[in-house]
Amino acid sequence: RGIPVRQGLGTVRTHYGNNMIGKYLADARPEFAIVMYGTNDSKSPEAVAQAMQNLAAIIDACASAGTVPIIATIPPRGYDKQGQDDQLRFNKALVELCREKRIPVSYCFEEMMEHALRQVLGDGVHLTPVVGNDVAGAALWKTMQQVYFALRDTSHNW
């Protein structure tokens, strides 16, 4: 049973994830959670700092629930590979947070950047049903292969 991400709620940001993570964890009681929030957050330095606070709270809630959090980098935005400064800045902060918290990162952005963005992002934001989902899935699969041991560790000492 998975954790629902969006159910006709409009734009979902890290603040929403922070507010809802307790309910999601209580309802699903997952062994692991793949988290990708931040695409819709503003990318100003102040907004990125706030987003990292929200993501840190999500990570902490997962850890408290015995759920292994896996944080995914946010995808590119638009079709210009050179115009990704906002996403790069956000993802850099995200990776730093994950290293600080000692949790896995799934490098979805980096995987997507290796493909033609028009094939991956149908409207420049949302993943295309086949190619985009396959590319994101490939990044997540690589991560899962690397962290499988943590999912099998019943001591929760990760």
C-alpha atoms as a PDB file:
ATOM      1  CA  ARG A   1       0.000   0.000   0.000  1.00  0.00           C
ATOM      2  CA  GLY A   2       1.511   3.299  -1.046  1.00  0.00           C
ATOM      3  CA  ILE A   3       1.307   6.778   0.349  1.00  0.00           C
ATOM      4  CA  PRO A   4      -0.858   9.122  -1.739  1.00  0.00           C
ATOM      5  CA  VAL A   5       0.958  12.182  -2.973  1.00  0.00           C
ATOM      6  CA  ARG A   6      -1.741  14.374  -4.428  1.00  0.00           C
ATOM      7  CA  GLN A   7      -5.478  14.098  -4.658  1.00  0.00           C
ATOM      8  CA  GLY A   8      -6.741  17.141  -6.558  1.00  0.00           C
ATOM      9  CA  LEU A   9      -5.315  19.537  -3.989  1.00  0.00           C
ATOM     10  CA  GLY A  10      -3.739  22.035  -6.350  1.00  0.00           C
ATOM     11  CA  THR A  11      -0.071  22.914  -5.980  1.00  0.00           C
ATOM     12  CA  VAL A  12       1.718  20.746  -3.441  1.00  0.00           C
ATOM     13  CA  ARG A  13       4.812  22.123  -1.719  1.00  0.00           C
ATOM     14  CA  THR A  14       7.155  20.988   1.056  1.00  0.00           C
ATOM     15  CA  HIS A  15       4.960  22.735   3.634  1.00  0.00           C
ATOM     16  CA  TYR A  16       2.062  20.478   2.626  1.00  0.00           C
ATOM     17  CA  GLY A  17       4.284  17.403   2.911  1.00  0.00           C
ATOM     18  CA  ASN A  18       5.431  18.480   6.352  1.00  0.00           C
ATOM     19  CA  ASN A  19       1.824  18.946   7.465  1.00  0.00           C
ATOM     20  CA  MET A  20       0.644  15.612   6.043  1.00  0.00           C
ATOM     21  CA  ILE A  21       3.554  13.227   6.672  1.00  0.00           C
ATOM     22  CA  GLY A  22       2.277  12.111  10.091  1.00  0.00           C
ATOM     23  CA  LYS A  23      -1.069  11.087   8.605  1.00  0.00           C
ATOM     24  CA  TYR A  24       0.553   9.353   5.640  1.00  0.00           C
ATOM     25  CA  LEU A  25       2.896   7.385   7.889  1.00  0.00           C
ATOM     26  CA  ALA A  26       0.117   6.429  10.309  1.00  0.00           C
ATOM     27  CA  ASP A  27      -2.180   5.328   7.488  1.00  0.00           C
ATOM     28  CA  ALA A  28       0.337   3.342   5.422  1.00  0.00           C
ATOM     29  CA  ARG A  29       2.987   2.352   8.006  1.00  0.00           C
ATOM     30  CA  PRO A  30       5.569   1.931   5.220  1.00  0.00           C
ATOM     31  CA  GLU A  31       9.016   0.377   5.599  1.00  0.00           C
ATOM     32  CA  PHE A  32      10.379   3.079   3.305  1.00  0.00           C
ATOM     33  CA  ALA A  33       9.102   6.299   1.761  1.00  0.00           C
ATOM     34  CA  ILE A  34      10.281   7.915  -1.427  1.00  0.00           C
ATOM     35  CA  VAL A  35       9.864  11.648  -0.938  1.00  0.00           C
ATOM     36  CA  MET A  36       9.939  14.212  -3.721  1.00  0.00           C
ATOM     37  CA  TYR A  37       8.717  17.599  -2.602  1.00  0.00           C
ATOM     38  CA  GLY A  38      10.076  20.943  -3.709  1.00  0.00           C
ATOM     39  CA  THR A  39       9.316  21.190  -7.406  1.00  0.00           C
ATOM     40  CA  ASN A  40       6.551  23.701  -6.692  1.00  0.00           C
ATOM     41  CA  ASP A  41       8.339  25.614  -3.931  1.00  0.00           C
ATOM     42  CA  SER A  42       9.842  29.005  -4.688  1.00  0.00           C
ATOM     43  CA  LYS A  43      13.600  28.836  -5.231  1.00  0.00           C
ATOM     44  CA  SER A  44      14.718  32.052  -3.525  1.00  0.00           C
ATOM     45  CA  PRO A  45      17.417  31.487  -0.888  1.00  0.00           C
ATOM     46  CA  GLU A  46      14.890  32.070   1.905  1.00  0.00           C
ATOM     47  CA  ALA A  47      12.336  29.725   0.340  1.00  0.00           C
ATOM     48  CA  VAL A  48      14.951  27.003  -0.182  1.00  0.00           C
ATOM     49  CA  ALA A  49      15.990  27.307   3.478  1.00  0.00           C
ATOM     50  CA  GLN A  50      12.343  26.953   4.533  1.00  0.00           C
ATOM     51  CA  ALA A  51      11.879  23.987   2.192  1.00  0.00           C
ATOM     52  CA  MET A  52      14.902  22.288   3.766  1.00  0.00           C
ATOM     53  CA  GLN A  53      13.355  22.808   7.216  1.00  0.00           C
ATOM     54  CA  ASN A  54      10.164  21.188   5.961  1.00  0.00           C
ATOM     55  CA  LEU A  55      12.086  18.297   4.407  1.00  0.00           C
ATOM     56  CA  ALA A  56      14.113  17.844   7.610  1.00  0.00           C
ATOM     57  CA  ALA A  57      10.843  17.558   9.539  1.00  0.00           C
ATOM     58  CA  ILE A  58       9.582  14.974   7.025  1.00  0.00           C
ATOM     59  CA  ILE A  59      12.819  13.007   7.388  1.00  0.00           C
ATOM     60  CA  ASP A  60      12.582  13.135  11.179  1.00  0.00           C
ATOM     61  CA  ALA A  61       8.935  12.015  11.104  1.00  0.00           C
ATOM     62  CA  CYS A  62       9.873   9.063   8.916  1.00  0.00           C
ATOM     63  CA  ALA A  63      12.729   8.094  11.220  1.00  0.00           C
ATOM     64  CA  SER A  64      10.458   8.340  14.280  1.00  0.00           C
ATOM     65  CA  ALA A  65       7.952   6.046  12.571  1.00  0.00           C
ATOM     66  CA  GLY A  66      10.627   3.481  11.681  1.00  0.00           C
ATOM     67  CA  THR A  67      10.332   4.344   7.991  1.00  0.00           C
ATOM     68  CA  VAL A  68      13.464   4.678   5.860  1.00  0.00           C
ATOM     69  CA  PRO A  69      13.149   7.995   3.986  1.00  0.00           C
ATOM     70  CA  ILE A  70      14.619   8.200   0.490  1.00  0.00           C
ATOM     71  CA  ILE A  71      14.659  11.767  -0.801  1.00  0.00           C
ATOM     72  CA  ALA A  72      14.564  12.348  -4.556  1.00  0.00           C
ATOM     73  CA  THR A  73      16.113  15.367  -6.202  1.00  0.00           C
ATOM     74  CA  ILE A  74      13.515  17.524  -7.930  1.00  0.00           C
ATOM     75  CA  PRO A  75      13.251  17.234 -11.712  1.00  0.00           C
ATOM     76  CA  PRO A  76      14.362  19.782 -14.274  1.00  0.00           C
ATOM     77  CA  ARG A  77      11.918  22.538 -15.165  1.00  0.00           C
ATOM     78  CA  GLY A  78      11.488  23.527 -18.784  1.00  0.00           C
ATOM     79  CA  TYR A  79      13.413  22.178 -21.726  1.00  0.00           C
ATOM     80  CA  ASP A  80      16.617  24.257 -21.490  1.00  0.00           C
ATOM     81  CA  LYS A  81      19.336  22.176 -19.854  1.00  0.00           C
ATOM     82  CA  GLN A  82      21.401  25.329 -19.301  1.00  0.00           C
ATOM     83  CA  GLY A  83      18.551  27.113 -17.500  1.00  0.00           C
ATOM     84  CA  GLN A  84      18.331  24.874 -14.435  1.00  0.00           C
ATOM     85  CA  ASP A  85      20.010  27.141 -11.865  1.00  0.00           C
ATOM     86  CA  ASP A  86      17.010  27.154  -9.504  1.00  0.00           C
ATOM     87  CA  GLN A  87      16.694  23.367  -9.553  1.00  0.00           C
ATOM     88  CA  LEU A  88      20.449  22.933  -9.145  1.00  0.00           C
ATOM     89  CA  ARG A  89      20.483  25.264  -6.130  1.00  0.00           C
ATOM     90  CA  PHE A  90      17.520  23.477  -4.551  1.00  0.00           C
ATOM     91  CA  ASN A  91      18.981  20.019  -5.219  1.00  0.00           C
ATOM     92  CA  LYS A  92      22.374  21.021  -3.827  1.00  0.00           C
ATOM     93  CA  ALA A  93      20.712  22.051  -0.558  1.00  0.00           C
ATOM     94  CA  LEU A  94      18.652  18.844  -0.602  1.00  0.00           C
ATOM     95  CA  VAL A  95      21.729  16.631  -1.023  1.00  0.00           C
ATOM     96  CA  GLU A  96      23.513  18.511   1.786  1.00  0.00           C
ATOM     97  CA  LEU A  97      20.498  17.957   4.054  1.00  0.00           C
ATOM     98  CA  CYS A  98      20.417  14.251   3.234  1.00  0.00           C
ATOM     99  CA  ARG A  99      24.133  13.893   3.933  1.00  0.00           C
ATOM    100  CA  GLU A 100      23.685  15.704   7.240  1.00  0.00           C
ATOM    101  CA  LYS A 101      20.767  13.426   8.131  1.00  0.00           C
ATOM    102  CA  ARG A 102      22.596  10.372   6.748  1.00  0.00           C
ATOM    103  CA  ILE A 103      19.769   9.219   4.510  1.00  0.00           C
ATOM    104  CA  PRO A 104      19.721   8.098   0.873  1.00  0.00           C
ATOM    105  CA  VAL A 105      19.206  10.405  -2.082  1.00  0.00           C
ATOM    106  CA  SER A 106      17.722   9.322  -5.382  1.00  0.00           C
ATOM    107  CA  TYR A 107      19.229  11.421  -8.159  1.00  0.00           C
ATOM    108  CA  CYS A 108      16.155  11.860 -10.386  1.00  0.00           C
ATOM    109  CA  PHE A 109      17.244  15.289 -11.686  1.00  0.00           C
ATOM    110  CA  GLU A 110      20.619  13.994 -12.771  1.00  0.00           C
ATOM    111  CA  GLU A 111      19.074  10.965 -14.507  1.00  0.00           C
ATOM    112  CA  MET A 112      16.573  13.158 -16.355  1.00  0.00           C
ATOM    113  CA  MET A 113      19.270  15.566 -17.496  1.00  0.00           C
ATOM    114  CA  GLU A 114      20.851  12.709 -19.440  1.00  0.00           C
ATOM    115  CA  HIS A 115      17.798  12.592 -21.717  1.00  0.00           C
ATOM    116  CA  ALA A 116      16.034  14.971 -24.082  1.00  0.00           C
ATOM    117  CA  LEU A 117      13.908  17.026 -21.692  1.00  0.00           C
ATOM    118  CA  ARG A 118      11.074  17.321 -24.224  1.00  0.00           C
ATOM    119  CA  GLN A 119      10.752  13.531 -24.088  1.00  0.00           C
ATOM    120  CA  VAL A 120      10.910  13.408 -20.294  1.00  0.00           C
ATOM    121  CA  LEU A 121       8.772  16.454 -19.421  1.00  0.00           C
ATOM    122  CA  GLY A 122       5.618  16.673 -21.495  1.00  0.00           C
ATOM    123  CA  ASP A 123       4.749  20.245 -20.562  1.00  0.00           C
ATOM    124  CA  GLY A 124       8.154  21.247 -19.224  1.00  0.00           C
ATOM    125  CA  VAL A 125       7.135  20.330 -15.657  1.00  0.00           C
ATOM    126  CA  HIS A 126       5.279  17.015 -15.447  1.00  0.00           C
ATOM    127  CA  LEU A 127       6.747  13.665 -16.441  1.00  0.00           C
ATOM    128  CA  THR A 128       5.581  12.096 -19.664  1.00  0.00           C
ATOM    129  CA  PRO A 129       3.632   8.874 -19.095  1.00  0.00           C
ATOM    130  CA  VAL A 130       6.182   6.537 -20.652  1.00  0.00           C
ATOM    131  CA  VAL A 131       9.643   8.046 -21.094  1.00  0.00           C
ATOM    132  CA  GLY A 132       9.490  10.452 -18.143  1.00  0.00           C
ATOM    133  CA  ASN A 133       8.188   7.833 -15.732  1.00  0.00           C
ATOM    134  CA  ASP A 134      10.729   5.301 -16.997  1.00  0.00           C
ATOM    135  CA  VAL A 135      13.612   7.739 -16.490  1.00  0.00           C
ATOM    136  CA  ALA A 136      12.480   8.659 -12.968  1.00  0.00           C
ATOM    137  CA  GLY A 137      11.918   4.971 -12.274  1.00  0.00           C
ATOM    138  CA  ALA A 138      15.461   4.163 -13.408  1.00  0.00           C
ATOM    139  CA  ALA A 139      16.887   6.664 -10.919  1.00  0.00           C
ATOM    140  CA  LEU A 140      14.727   5.260  -8.126  1.00  0.00           C
ATOM    141  CA  TRP A 141      15.668   1.680  -9.051  1.00  0.00           C
ATOM    142  CA  LYS A 142      19.382   2.546  -8.838  1.00  0.00           C
ATOM    143  CA  THR A 143      18.797   4.009  -5.399  1.00  0.00           C
ATOM    144  CA  MET A 144      16.768   1.032  -4.218  1.00  0.00           C
ATOM    145  CA  GLN A 145      19.545  -1.326  -5.308  1.00  0.00           C
ATOM    146  CA  GLN A 146      21.984   0.691  -3.219  1.00  0.00           C
ATOM    147  CA  VAL A 147      19.855   0.924  -0.057  1.00  0.00           C
ATOM    148  CA  TYR A 148      18.168  -2.455  -0.017  1.00  0.00           C
ATOM    149  CA  PHE A 149      20.272  -3.414   3.005  1.00  0.00           C
ATOM    150  CA  ALA A 150      18.638  -0.656   5.055  1.00  0.00           C
ATOM    151  CA  LEU A 151      15.194  -1.994   4.263  1.00  0.00           C
ATOM    152  CA  ARG A 152      16.246  -5.402   5.551  1.00  0.00           C
ATOM    153  CA  ASP A 153      17.840  -4.034   8.742  1.00  0.00           C
ATOM    154  CA  THR A 154      15.305  -4.714  11.470  1.00  0.00           C
ATOM    155  CA  SER A 155      17.470  -3.001  14.116  1.00  0.00           C
ATOM    156  CA  HIS A 156      16.539   0.453  12.709  1.00  0.00           C
ATOM    157  CA  ASN A 157      20.099   1.606  13.336  1.00  0.00           C
ATOM    158  CA  TRP A 158      20.327   3.312   9.959  1.00  0.00           C
END
